[in-house]
C-alpha atoms as a PDB file:
ATOM      1  CA  MET A   1      70.610  57.000 108.112  1.00  0.00           C
ATOM      2  CA  ILE A   2      66.954  57.667 107.117  1.00  0.00           C
ATOM      3  CA  LEU A   3      65.598  57.984 110.729  1.00  0.00           C
ATOM      4  CA  HIS A   4      68.002  60.970 110.985  1.00  0.00           C
ATOM      5  CA  GLN A   5      66.586  62.765 108.254  1.00  0.00           C
ATOM      6  CA  ILE A   6      62.713  61.856 109.716  1.00  0.00           C
ATOM      7  CA  GLU A   7      63.367  63.271 113.055  1.00  0.00           C
ATOM      8  CA  ALA A   8      64.617  66.248 111.481  1.00  0.00           C
ATOM      9  CA  LEU A   9      61.762  66.438 108.971  1.00  0.00           C
ATOM     10  CA  LYS A  10      59.049  65.766 111.720  1.00  0.00           C
ATOM     11  CA  ALA A  11      61.078  68.250 113.959  1.00  0.00           C
ATOM     12  CA  ILE A  12      59.735  71.609 111.401  1.00  0.00           C
ATOM     13  CA  GLY A  13      56.614  69.761 111.302  1.00  0.00           C
ATOM     14  CA  VAL A  14      56.163  67.470 108.018  1.00  0.00           C
ATOM     15  CA  THR A  15      53.985  64.804 108.666  1.00  0.00           C
ATOM     16  CA  GLU A  16      54.193  62.738 106.025  1.00  0.00           C
ATOM     17  CA  VAL A  17      57.212  61.092 104.271  1.00  0.00           C
ATOM     18  CA  VAL A  18      57.223  58.893 101.078  1.00  0.00           C
ATOM     19  CA  LEU A  19      60.462  56.402 100.548  1.00  0.00           C
ATOM     20  CA  ALA A  20      61.137  55.751  96.967  1.00  0.00           C
ATOM     21  CA  ILE A  21      62.511  52.190  97.192  1.00  0.00           C
ATOM     22  CA  ASN A  22      63.272  50.291  94.451  1.00  0.00           C
ATOM     23  CA  TYR A  23      64.607  46.773  96.759  1.00  0.00           C
ATOM     24  CA  GLN A  24      63.040  44.922  99.090  1.00  0.00           C
ATOM     25  CA  PRO A  25      60.538  47.792 100.410  1.00  0.00           C
ATOM     26  CA  GLU A  26      59.300  45.627 103.413  1.00  0.00           C
ATOM     27  CA  VAL A  27      62.395  46.008 105.627  1.00  0.00           C
ATOM     28  CA  MET A  28      63.255  49.402 105.763  1.00  0.00           C
ATOM     29  CA  LEU A  29      58.917  49.986 106.128  1.00  0.00           C
ATOM     30  CA  ASN A  30      59.317  47.269 109.088  1.00  0.00           C
ATOM     31  CA  PHE A  31      62.787  49.124 110.947  1.00  0.00           C
ATOM     32  CA  LEU A  32      60.492  52.518 110.352  1.00  0.00           C
ATOM     33  CA  LYS A  33      57.085  50.879 111.936  1.00  0.00           C
ATOM     34  CA  ASP A  34      57.944  51.677 115.137  1.00  0.00           C
ATOM     35  CA  PHE A  35      58.816  54.858 114.590  1.00  0.00           C
ATOM     36  CA  GLU A  36      56.014  56.009 112.719  1.00  0.00           C
ATOM     37  CA  THR A  37      53.589  56.110 116.607  1.00  0.00           C
ATOM     38  CA  LYS A  38      56.782  57.129 118.212  1.00  0.00           C
ATOM     39  CA  LEU A  39      57.663  60.190 116.218  1.00  0.00           C
ATOM     40  CA  GLY A  40      53.722  60.285 114.874  1.00  0.00           C
ATOM     41  CA  ILE A  41      54.516  61.067 111.416  1.00  0.00           C
ATOM     42  CA  LYS A  42      52.869  59.216 108.179  1.00  0.00           C
ATOM     43  CA  ILE A  43      55.580  57.023 106.158  1.00  0.00           C
ATOM     44  CA  THR A  44      54.865  55.719 103.401  1.00  0.00           C
ATOM     45  CA  CYS A  45      56.329  54.081 100.627  1.00  0.00           C
ATOM     46  CA  SER A  46      56.340  54.839  96.437  1.00  0.00           C
ATOM     47  CA  GLN A  47      57.497  51.243  95.455  1.00  0.00           C
ATOM     48  CA  GLU A  48      59.529  51.653  91.416  1.00  0.00           C
ATOM     49  CA  THR A  49      59.504  48.019  89.563  1.00  0.00           C
ATOM     50  CA  GLU A  50      62.262  49.618  87.427  1.00  0.00           C
ATOM     51  CA  PRO A  51      65.129  52.069  88.703  1.00  0.00           C
ATOM     52  CA  LEU A  52      63.636  55.159  87.960  1.00  0.00           C
ATOM     53  CA  GLY A  53      66.494  57.313  88.473  1.00  0.00           C
ATOM     54  CA  THR A  54      66.524  60.322  90.460  1.00  0.00           C
ATOM     55  CA  ALA A  55      63.422  62.122  88.829  1.00  0.00           C
ATOM     56  CA  GLY A  56      61.313  59.961  88.095  1.00  0.00           C
ATOM     57  CA  PRO A  57      60.260  58.084  91.448  1.00  0.00           C
ATOM     58  CA  LEU A  58      58.823  61.570  92.275  1.00  0.00           C
ATOM     59  CA  ALA A  59      56.539  61.296  88.873  1.00  0.00           C
ATOM     60  CA  LEU A  60      55.795  58.259  90.429  1.00  0.00           C
ATOM     61  CA  ALA A  61      55.003  59.046  94.171  1.00  0.00           C
ATOM     62  CA  ARG A  62      52.993  62.324  92.401  1.00  0.00           C
ATOM     63  CA  ASP A  63      49.547  62.144  94.327  1.00  0.00           C
ATOM     64  CA  LYS A  64      51.523  61.599  97.350  1.00  0.00           C
ATOM     65  CA  LEU A  65      53.276  64.764  96.907  1.00  0.00           C
ATOM     66  CA  ILE A  66      50.002  67.143  95.504  1.00  0.00           C
ATOM     67  CA  ASP A  67      47.724  67.895  97.789  1.00  0.00           C
ATOM     68  CA  ASP A  68      45.229  70.877  97.857  1.00  0.00           C
ATOM     69  CA  SER A  69      47.582  73.580  99.894  1.00  0.00           C
ATOM     70  CA  GLY A  70      49.906  74.736  97.022  1.00  0.00           C
ATOM     71  CA  GLU A  71      52.539  74.273  99.489  1.00  0.00           C
ATOM     72  CA  PRO A  72      56.808  73.027  98.873  1.00  0.00           C
ATOM     73  CA  PHE A  73      57.628  69.506  99.395  1.00  0.00           C
ATOM     74  CA  PHE A  74      61.118  68.053 100.710  1.00  0.00           C
ATOM     75  CA  VAL A  75      63.217  66.055  98.718  1.00  0.00           C
ATOM     76  CA  LEU A  76      66.240  64.717 100.176  1.00  0.00           C
ATOM     77  CA  ASN A  77      69.246  62.117  98.889  1.00  0.00           C
ATOM     78  CA  SER A  78      68.974  58.915 101.839  1.00  0.00           C
ATOM     79  CA  ASP A  79      72.950  58.818 101.729  1.00  0.00           C
ATOM     80  CA  VAL A  80      73.615  62.413 102.986  1.00  0.00           C
ATOM     81  CA  ILE A  81      73.857  63.533 106.178  1.00  0.00           C
ATOM     82  CA  SER A  82      74.376  67.002 108.021  1.00  0.00           C
ATOM     83  CA  GLU A  83      72.676  68.986 110.111  1.00  0.00           C
ATOM     84  CA  TYR A  84      69.581  69.810 107.935  1.00  0.00           C
ATOM     85  CA  PRO A  85      68.651  73.120 107.959  1.00  0.00           C
ATOM     86  CA  LEU A  86      65.039  72.835 107.158  1.00  0.00           C
ATOM     87  CA  LYS A  87      64.045  75.198 108.658  1.00  0.00           C
ATOM     88  CA  GLN A  88      66.365  78.227 107.022  1.00  0.00           C
ATOM     89  CA  MET A  89      65.251  76.819 103.893  1.00  0.00           C
ATOM     90  CA  ILE A  90      61.980  77.000 104.083  1.00  0.00           C
ATOM     91  CA  ALA A  91      62.626  80.671 104.780  1.00  0.00           C
ATOM     92  CA  PHE A  92      65.177  80.688 101.982  1.00  0.00           C
ATOM     93  CA  HIS A  93      62.608  79.321  99.409  1.00  0.00           C
ATOM     94  CA  LYS A  94      60.090  82.052 100.639  1.00  0.00           C
ATOM     95  CA  SER A  95      62.027  84.627  99.735  1.00  0.00           C
ATOM     96  CA  HIS A  96      63.201  83.965  96.350  1.00  0.00           C
ATOM     97  CA  GLY A  97      59.947  82.970  95.133  1.00  0.00           C
ATOM     98  CA  GLY A  98      61.422  80.772  92.631  1.00  0.00           C
ATOM     99  CA  GLU A  99      59.914  77.362  91.568  1.00  0.00           C
ATOM    100  CA  ALA A 100      62.631  75.188  93.037  1.00  0.00           C
ATOM    101  CA  SER A 101      65.628  75.698  95.947  1.00  0.00           C
ATOM    102  CA  ILE A 102      68.697  73.211  96.500  1.00  0.00           C
ATOM    103  CA  MET A 103      71.274  72.667  99.110  1.00  0.00           C
ATOM    104  CA  VAL A 104      74.660  73.310  98.006  1.00  0.00           C
ATOM    105  CA  THR A 105      77.914  72.703  99.618  1.00  0.00           C
ATOM    106  CA  LYS A 106      81.626  73.518  99.190  1.00  0.00           C
ATOM    107  CA  VAL A 107      84.157  71.174  98.595  1.00  0.00           C
ATOM    108  CA  ASP A 108      87.976  71.390  98.468  1.00  0.00           C
ATOM    109  CA  GLU A 109      88.284  69.230  94.818  1.00  0.00           C
ATOM    110  CA  PRO A 110      85.352  70.468  92.869  1.00  0.00           C
ATOM    111  CA  SER A 111      86.722  68.406  89.731  1.00  0.00           C
ATOM    112  CA  LYS A 112      85.469  65.233  91.348  1.00  0.00           C
ATOM    113  CA  TYR A 113      81.353  66.270  91.566  1.00  0.00           C
ATOM    114  CA  GLY A 114      79.064  68.456  89.527  1.00  0.00           C
ATOM    115  CA  VAL A 115      79.410  72.084  90.185  1.00  0.00           C
ATOM    116  CA  VAL A 116      76.659  74.268  91.091  1.00  0.00           C
ATOM    117  CA  VAL A 117      77.722  77.807  89.136  1.00  0.00           C
ATOM    118  CA  MET A 118      75.173  80.605  90.835  1.00  0.00           C
ATOM    119  CA  GLU A 119      74.478  84.061  91.729  1.00  0.00           C
ATOM    120  CA  GLU A 120      76.531  84.570  95.112  1.00  0.00           C
ATOM    121  CA  SER A 121      74.572  87.657  96.220  1.00  0.00           C
ATOM    122  CA  THR A 122      71.207  85.692  95.501  1.00  0.00           C
ATOM    123  CA  GLY A 123      71.928  82.613  94.445  1.00  0.00           C
ATOM    124  CA  GLN A 124      70.270  81.891  91.398  1.00  0.00           C
ATOM    125  CA  VAL A 125      71.722  79.399  89.962  1.00  0.00           C
ATOM    126  CA  GLU A 126      73.118  79.916  86.458  1.00  0.00           C
ATOM    127  CA  LYS A 127      74.621  76.706  85.062  1.00  0.00           C
ATOM    128  CA  PHE A 128      75.539  73.075  86.408  1.00  0.00           C
ATOM    129  CA  VAL A 129      79.148  71.660  85.192  1.00  0.00           C
ATOM    130  CA  GLU A 130      79.738  68.537  85.528  1.00  0.00           C
ATOM    131  CA  LYS A 131      83.353  67.156  86.360  1.00  0.00           C
ATOM    132  CA  PRO A 132      85.039  71.032  85.357  1.00  0.00           C
ATOM    133  CA  LYS A 133      88.502  70.293  83.811  1.00  0.00           C
ATOM    134  CA  VAL A 134      88.786  74.283  84.639  1.00  0.00           C
ATOM    135  CA  PHE A 135      87.867  75.956  87.905  1.00  0.00           C
ATOM    136  CA  VAL A 136      84.209  77.034  87.899  1.00  0.00           C
ATOM    137  CA  GLY A 137      83.328  77.133  91.205  1.00  0.00           C
ATOM    138  CA  ASN A 138      83.889  75.297  94.404  1.00  0.00           C
ATOM    139  CA  LYS A 139      79.674  74.624  95.384  1.00  0.00           C
ATOM    140  CA  ILE A 140      78.244  71.490  94.487  1.00  0.00           C
ATOM    141  CA  ASN A 141      74.953  69.747  95.008  1.00  0.00           C
ATOM    142  CA  ALA A 142      74.085  68.812  98.015  1.00  0.00           C
ATOM    143  CA  GLY A 143      71.225  66.666  97.740  1.00  0.00           C
ATOM    144  CA  ILE A 144      68.214  68.351  99.940  1.00  0.00           C
ATOM    145  CA  TYR A 145      65.865  70.009  97.928  1.00  0.00           C
ATOM    146  CA  LEU A 146      62.399  71.883  98.589  1.00  0.00           C
ATOM    147  CA  LEU A 147      60.354  72.168  95.622  1.00  0.00           C
ATOM    148  CA  ASN A 148      56.674  73.536  94.617  1.00  0.00           C
ATOM    149  CA  PRO A 149      54.157  71.423  92.914  1.00  0.00           C
ATOM    150  CA  SER A 150      54.427  72.785  89.821  1.00  0.00           C
ATOM    151  CA  VAL A 151      58.119  70.711  89.546  1.00  0.00           C
ATOM    152  CA  LEU A 152      56.413  67.884  88.756  1.00  0.00           C
ATOM    153  CA  ASP A 153      55.059  68.761  85.790  1.00  0.00           C
ATOM    154  CA  ARG A 154      58.332  68.976  84.130  1.00  0.00           C
ATOM    155  CA  ILE A 155      58.985  65.567  85.458  1.00  0.00           C
ATOM    156  CA  GLU A 156      58.046  62.109  82.912  1.00  0.00           C
ATOM    157  CA  LEU A 157      57.413  58.719  84.226  1.00  0.00           C
ATOM    158  CA  LYS A 158      60.758  57.476  83.112  1.00  0.00           C
ATOM    159  CA  PRO A 159      63.958  56.666  84.181  1.00  0.00           C
ATOM    160  CA  THR A 160      65.322  60.186  84.572  1.00  0.00           C
ATOM    161  CA  SER A 161      68.084  62.570  86.555  1.00  0.00           C
ATOM    162  CA  ILE A 162      66.685  65.074  88.046  1.00  0.00           C
ATOM    163  CA  GLU A 163      70.504  66.952  88.629  1.00  0.00           C
ATOM    164  CA  LYS A 164      71.271  66.466  85.005  1.00  0.00           C
ATOM    165  CA  GLU A 165      67.792  66.672  83.304  1.00  0.00           C
ATOM    166  CA  THR A 166      65.478  68.781  85.781  1.00  0.00           C
ATOM    167  CA  PHE A 167      67.023  70.934  87.654  1.00  0.00           C
ATOM    168  CA  PRO A 168      69.023  72.472  84.468  1.00  0.00           C
ATOM    169  CA  LYS A 169      66.151  73.260  82.610  1.00  0.00           C
ATOM    170  CA  ILE A 170      64.371  75.298  85.766  1.00  0.00           C
ATOM    171  CA  ALA A 171      67.739  77.252  85.875  1.00  0.00           C
ATOM    172  CA  SER A 172      67.347  78.396  82.355  1.00  0.00           C
ATOM    173  CA  GLU A 173      64.584  79.808  83.221  1.00  0.00           C
ATOM    174  CA  LYS A 174      66.156  81.238  86.110  1.00  0.00           C
ATOM    175  CA  LEU A 175      63.976  79.944  88.348  1.00  0.00           C
ATOM    176  CA  LEU A 176      66.001  78.013  90.703  1.00  0.00           C
ATOM    177  CA  TYR A 177      68.082  78.641  93.719  1.00  0.00           C
ATOM    178  CA  ALA A 178      71.221  77.786  95.652  1.00  0.00           C
ATOM    179  CA  MET A 179      71.316  78.240  99.814  1.00  0.00           C
ATOM    180  CA  VAL A 180      74.727  77.550 100.706  1.00  0.00           C
ATOM    181  CA  LEU A 181      74.293  74.571 103.831  1.00  0.00           C
ATOM    182  CA  PRO A 182      76.103  76.063 107.238  1.00  0.00           C
ATOM    183  CA  GLY A 183      77.675  72.882 109.276  1.00  0.00           C
ATOM    184  CA  PHE A 184      79.397  69.721 107.807  1.00  0.00           C
ATOM    185  CA  TRP A 185      78.074  67.481 104.774  1.00  0.00           C
ATOM    186  CA  MET A 186      78.967  64.346 103.651  1.00  0.00           C
ATOM    187  CA  ASP A 187      77.666  61.460 101.130  1.00  0.00           C
ATOM    188  CA  ILE A 188      78.305  58.398 103.167  1.00  0.00           C
ATOM    189  CA  GLY A 189      77.108  55.774 100.315  1.00  0.00           C
ATOM    190  CA  GLN A 190      80.383  53.800 100.790  1.00  0.00           C
ATOM    191  CA  PRO A 191      82.049  52.523 104.101  1.00  0.00           C
ATOM    192  CA  LYS A 192      84.971  54.972 104.090  1.00  0.00           C
ATOM    193  CA  ASP A 193      82.968  58.040 103.657  1.00  0.00           C
ATOM    194  CA  TYR A 194      80.340  56.382 106.349  1.00  0.00           C
ATOM    195  CA  ILE A 195      83.370  56.880 108.560  1.00  0.00           C
ATOM    196  CA  THR A 196      84.522  60.242 108.096  1.00  0.00           C
ATOM    197  CA  GLY A 197      80.314  61.170 108.334  1.00  0.00           C
ATOM    198  CA  LEU A 198      80.542  59.854 111.584  1.00  0.00           C
ATOM    199  CA  ARG A 199      83.604  61.568 113.086  1.00  0.00           C
ATOM    200  CA  LEU A 200      81.592  64.655 111.321  1.00  0.00           C
ATOM    201  CA  TYR A 201      78.207  63.824 113.360  1.00  0.00           C
ATOM    202  CA  LEU A 202      80.020  63.263 116.230  1.00  0.00           C
ATOM    203  CA  ASP A 203      82.179  66.761 116.019  1.00  0.00           C
ATOM    204  CA  SER A 204      78.509  68.353 115.464  1.00  0.00           C
ATOM    205  CA  LEU A 205      76.795  67.171 118.502  1.00  0.00           C
ATOM    206  CA  ARG A 206      79.623  67.889 120.436  1.00  0.00           C
ATOM    207  CA  ARG A 207      79.549  71.603 119.722  1.00  0.00           C
ATOM    208  CA  ASN A 208      75.613  70.898 119.476  1.00  0.00           C
ATOM    209  CA  ASP A 209      74.561  68.319 122.473  1.00  0.00           C
ATOM    210  CA  PRO A 210      78.085  67.094 124.048  1.00  0.00           C
ATOM    211  CA  SER A 211      75.671  65.592 126.711  1.00  0.00           C
ATOM    212  CA  LYS A 212      74.754  62.905 124.668  1.00  0.00           C
ATOM    213  CA  LEU A 213      78.466  61.735 124.498  1.00  0.00           C
ATOM    214  CA  ALA A 214      80.538  59.356 126.537  1.00  0.00           C
ATOM    215  CA  THR A 215      82.527  60.549 129.153  1.00  0.00           C
ATOM    216  CA  GLY A 216      84.980  58.671 131.394  1.00  0.00           C
ATOM    217  CA  SER A 217      88.981  57.664 131.897  1.00  0.00           C
ATOM    218  CA  HIS A 218      88.383  55.309 129.217  1.00  0.00           C
ATOM    219  CA  ILE A 219      86.877  57.485 126.502  1.00  0.00           C
ATOM    220  CA  VAL A 220      89.067  59.825 123.835  1.00  0.00           C
ATOM    221  CA  GLY A 221      87.696  62.602 122.010  1.00  0.00           C
ATOM    222  CA  ASN A 222      84.300  62.011 120.585  1.00  0.00           C
ATOM    223  CA  VAL A 223      82.491  58.697 121.608  1.00  0.00           C
ATOM    224  CA  LEU A 224      78.751  57.682 121.493  1.00  0.00           C
ATOM    225  CA  VAL A 225      77.820  54.609 123.408  1.00  0.00           C
ATOM    226  CA  HIS A 226      74.088  53.126 123.630  1.00  0.00           C
ATOM    227  CA  GLU A 227      72.765  53.284 127.213  1.00  0.00           C
ATOM    228  CA  SER A 228      72.414  49.756 127.100  1.00  0.00           C
ATOM    229  CA  ALA A 229      75.790  48.183 126.123  1.00  0.00           C
ATOM    230  CA  LYS A 230      78.551  47.513 128.761  1.00  0.00           C
ATOM    231  CA  ILE A 231      81.912  48.016 128.575  1.00  0.00           C
ATOM    232  CA  GLY A 232      84.370  46.019 130.306  1.00  0.00           C
ATOM    233  CA  GLU A 233      87.692  47.415 132.647  1.00  0.00           C
ATOM    234  CA  GLY A 234      90.640  48.782 131.140  1.00  0.00           C
ATOM    235  CA  CYS A 235      89.824  49.626 127.746  1.00  0.00           C
ATOM    236  CA  LEU A 236      90.273  52.722 125.590  1.00  0.00           C
ATOM    237  CA  ILE A 237      87.599  54.149 123.622  1.00  0.00           C
ATOM    238  CA  GLY A 238      88.018  56.773 120.853  1.00  0.00           C
ATOM    239  CA  PRO A 239      88.488  58.997 119.160  1.00  0.00           C
ATOM    240  CA  ASP A 240      85.398  58.612 116.376  1.00  0.00           C
ATOM    241  CA  VAL A 241      83.649  55.208 117.808  1.00  0.00           C
ATOM    242  CA  ALA A 242      79.843  54.839 117.781  1.00  0.00           C
ATOM    243  CA  ILE A 243      78.727  51.588 119.586  1.00  0.00           C
ATOM    244  CA  GLY A 244      75.136  50.196 119.179  1.00  0.00           C
ATOM    245  CA  PRO A 245      72.249  48.804 121.507  1.00  0.00           C
ATOM    246  CA  GLY A 246      73.350  45.308 123.073  1.00  0.00           C
ATOM    247  CA  CYS A 247      77.154  45.727 122.802  1.00  0.00           C
ATOM    248  CA  VAL A 248      79.323  43.869 125.152  1.00  0.00           C
ATOM    249  CA  VAL A 249      82.813  44.873 124.652  1.00  0.00           C
ATOM    250  CA  ASP A 250      85.125  43.184 126.948  1.00  0.00           C
ATOM    251  CA  SER A 251      87.861  44.481 129.268  1.00  0.00           C
ATOM    252  CA  GLY A 252      91.255  45.800 128.091  1.00  0.00           C
ATOM    253  CA  VAL A 253      89.553  46.390 123.978  1.00  0.00           C
ATOM    254  CA  ARG A 254      90.830  49.279 122.147  1.00  0.00           C
ATOM    255  CA  LEU A 255      88.669  51.445 119.658  1.00  0.00           C
ATOM    256  CA  SER A 256      89.309  53.890 117.084  1.00  0.00           C
ATOM    257  CA  ARG A 257      87.303  55.426 114.710  1.00  0.00           C
ATOM    258  CA  CYS A 258      85.032  52.467 114.760  1.00  0.00           C
ATOM    259  CA  THR A 259      81.293  51.833 114.259  1.00  0.00           C
ATOM    260  CA  VAL A 260      80.524  48.639 116.012  1.00  0.00           C
ATOM    261  CA  MET A 261      76.686  47.972 115.331  1.00  0.00           C
ATOM    262  CA  ARG A 262      74.011  46.459 117.568  1.00  0.00           C
ATOM    263  CA  GLY A 263      74.395  43.114 119.338  1.00  0.00           C
ATOM    264  CA  VAL A 264      77.821  42.642 119.063  1.00  0.00           C
ATOM    265  CA  ARG A 265      80.699  40.888 121.257  1.00  0.00           C
ATOM    266  CA  ILE A 266      84.077  42.523 121.615  1.00  0.00           C
ATOM    267  CA  LYS A 267      86.426  40.253 123.353  1.00  0.00           C
ATOM    268  CA  LYS A 268      89.376  40.758 125.834  1.00  0.00           C
ATOM    269  CA  HIS A 269      92.152  42.958 124.335  1.00  0.00           C
ATOM    270  CA  ALA A 270      90.793  43.001 120.468  1.00  0.00           C
ATOM    271  CA  CYS A 271      91.787  46.042 119.116  1.00  0.00           C
ATOM    272  CA  ILE A 272      89.731  47.764 116.075  1.00  0.00           C
ATOM    273  CA  SER A 273      90.019  50.857 114.323  1.00  0.00           C
ATOM    274  CA  SER A 274      89.299  52.304 110.986  1.00  0.00           C
ATOM    275  CA  SER A 275      86.163  49.531 110.340  1.00  0.00           C
ATOM    276  CA  ILE A 276      82.629  48.847 110.372  1.00  0.00           C
ATOM    277  CA  ILE A 277      81.326  46.036 112.768  1.00  0.00           C
ATOM    278  CA  GLY A 278      77.781  44.704 111.387  1.00  0.00           C
ATOM    279  CA  TRP A 279      75.377  43.755 113.818  1.00  0.00           C
ATOM    280  CA  HIS A 280      75.219  40.183 116.301  1.00  0.00           C
ATOM    281  CA  SER A 281      79.176  39.995 115.008  1.00  0.00           C
ATOM    282  CA  THR A 282      82.259  38.888 117.354  1.00  0.00           C
ATOM    283  CA  VAL A 283      85.180  40.101 117.380  1.00  0.00           C
ATOM    284  CA  GLY A 284      87.851  37.613 119.349  1.00  0.00           C
ATOM    285  CA  GLN A 285      90.428  37.799 122.126  1.00  0.00           C
ATOM    286  CA  TRP A 286      93.364  39.781 121.398  1.00  0.00           C
ATOM    287  CA  ALA A 287      92.040  39.849 117.501  1.00  0.00           C
ATOM    288  CA  ARG A 288      93.244  42.927 115.347  1.00  0.00           C
ATOM    289  CA  VAL A 289      90.527  44.447 113.310  1.00  0.00           C
ATOM    290  CA  GLU A 290      92.177  47.546 110.502  1.00  0.00           C
ATOM    291  CA  ASN A 291      92.179  49.074 107.485  1.00  0.00           C
ATOM    292  CA  MET A 292      88.692  49.585 106.851  1.00  0.00           C
ATOM    293  CA  THR A 293      87.324  45.960 107.475  1.00  0.00           C
ATOM    294  CA  ILE A 294      83.493  45.165 107.115  1.00  0.00           C
ATOM    295  CA  LEU A 295      81.812  42.557 108.793  1.00  0.00           C
ATOM    296  CA  GLY A 296      78.497  42.021 107.780  1.00  0.00           C
ATOM    297  CA  GLU A 297      75.892  40.955 109.685  1.00  0.00           C
ATOM    298  CA  ASP A 298      76.861  37.368 112.426  1.00  0.00           C
ATOM    299  CA  VAL A 299      80.241  37.645 110.851  1.00  0.00           C
ATOM    300  CA  HIS A 300      82.450  35.542 113.849  1.00  0.00           C
ATOM    301  CA  VAL A 301      86.680  36.726 113.729  1.00  0.00           C
ATOM    302  CA  CYS A 302      88.287  33.889 115.776  1.00  0.00           C
ATOM    303  CA  ASP A 303      90.320  34.514 118.778  1.00  0.00           C
ATOM    304  CA  GLU A 304      94.218  36.464 117.561  1.00  0.00           C
ATOM    305  CA  VAL A 305      93.110  37.067 113.853  1.00  0.00           C
ATOM    306  CA  TYR A 306      93.926  39.711 111.792  1.00  0.00           C
ATOM    307  CA  SER A 307      92.076  41.412 109.144  1.00  0.00           C
ATOM    308  CA  ASN A 308      93.833  44.177 107.310  1.00  0.00           C
ATOM    309  CA  GLY A 309      90.782  45.873 104.725  1.00  0.00           C
ATOM    310  CA  GLY A 310      88.818  42.511 105.014  1.00  0.00           C
ATOM    311  CA  VAL A 311      84.972  42.638 103.514  1.00  0.00           C
ATOM    312  CA  VAL A 312      83.248  39.467 104.856  1.00  0.00           C
ATOM    313  CA  LEU A 313      79.610  38.938 103.896  1.00  0.00           C
ATOM    314  CA  PRO A 314      77.131  38.201 106.594  1.00  0.00           C
ATOM    315  CA  HIS A 315      77.138  34.488 108.368  1.00  0.00           C
ATOM    316  CA  LYS A 316      80.876  34.267 108.156  1.00  0.00           C
ATOM    317  CA  GLU A 317      83.246  32.617 110.482  1.00  0.00           C
ATOM    318  CA  ILE A 318      86.986  33.867 109.883  1.00  0.00           C
ATOM    319  CA  LYS A 319      89.459  31.753 111.328  1.00  0.00           C
ATOM    320  CA  ALA A 320      92.574  32.889 109.481  1.00  0.00           C
ATOM    321  CA  SER A 321      93.749  35.924 109.138  1.00  0.00           C
ATOM    322  CA  ILE A 322      93.059  38.359 106.191  1.00  0.00           C
ATOM    323  CA  LEU A 323      96.304  40.507 104.861  1.00  0.00           C
ATOM    324  CA  LYS A 324      95.463  42.127 102.082  1.00  0.00           C
ATOM    325  CA  PRO A 325      92.636  44.129 101.783  1.00  0.00           C
ATOM    326  CA  GLU A 326      89.795  41.727  99.972  1.00  0.00           C
ATOM    327  CA  ILE A 327      86.535  40.257 100.156  1.00  0.00           C
ATOM    328  CA  VAL A 328      85.377  37.186 101.394  1.00  0.00           C
ATOM    329  CA  MET A 329      82.285  35.478 100.403  1.00  0.00           C
END
């Protein structure tokens, strides 16, 4: 997920990315080390010893964010996906002359979110309304910001919320502007939203770069298959499926609305839908895995086992069916 964001940042000329991480930064940095040279972008980490909310980490990384240029910097929530129209955002930010720009996205049910009330023609933000009871608007914060360095002077090094504390202050001074995000948006921090996000991402690929999608008589709808994956005879794959590197899918397998991560083996005639299959797991012959089943790394589902929404922690073997959604420790 973060790599998609880093690639989008690199494409518009960003030269350095700082990750604000609280938990196990070395895992993330080890993964990204290869891409640092591949993409030619500097990736460093600003580690919190205590969680600092959504604004505190910016104060912590202040020295990394301020240079002599006075140029604005991007801030992205790492669990949101979109087409990242960052170039348009820079143009928008320069045009209004305010202190901060935020992306907003339109949603069907604004009462579940914090709503951004803004002046439609200029984008100037008037106020934020948290989970409104009556309709005040349908635009919510999309978690992508472009901030002038002066914003850092407003943030103290302590647990702080950029959405609830910093932005309302800037808005009250009429220096906060919002741009409506074109294309899709999804917060994919929860498994079911991840599967929705996959669908939206594949739809976007279909529109913008269809050559990346798989084709063939065994493919239905939008499917992404890594070149190193092997798929057997008589499979039916799709819609909305992603198959990672080194996966082996045996003959007669049915896959729909699912992500199959690196090094997974799916044996003959297994059927998987609306699920996430974690790295290096196996799904046995004639097994049926559905209804937001999530397999952690190196999970082995035995032959003919049924999983209805099981959430299975790593390194487990599942010999008996999971008949109702539950966590398997």
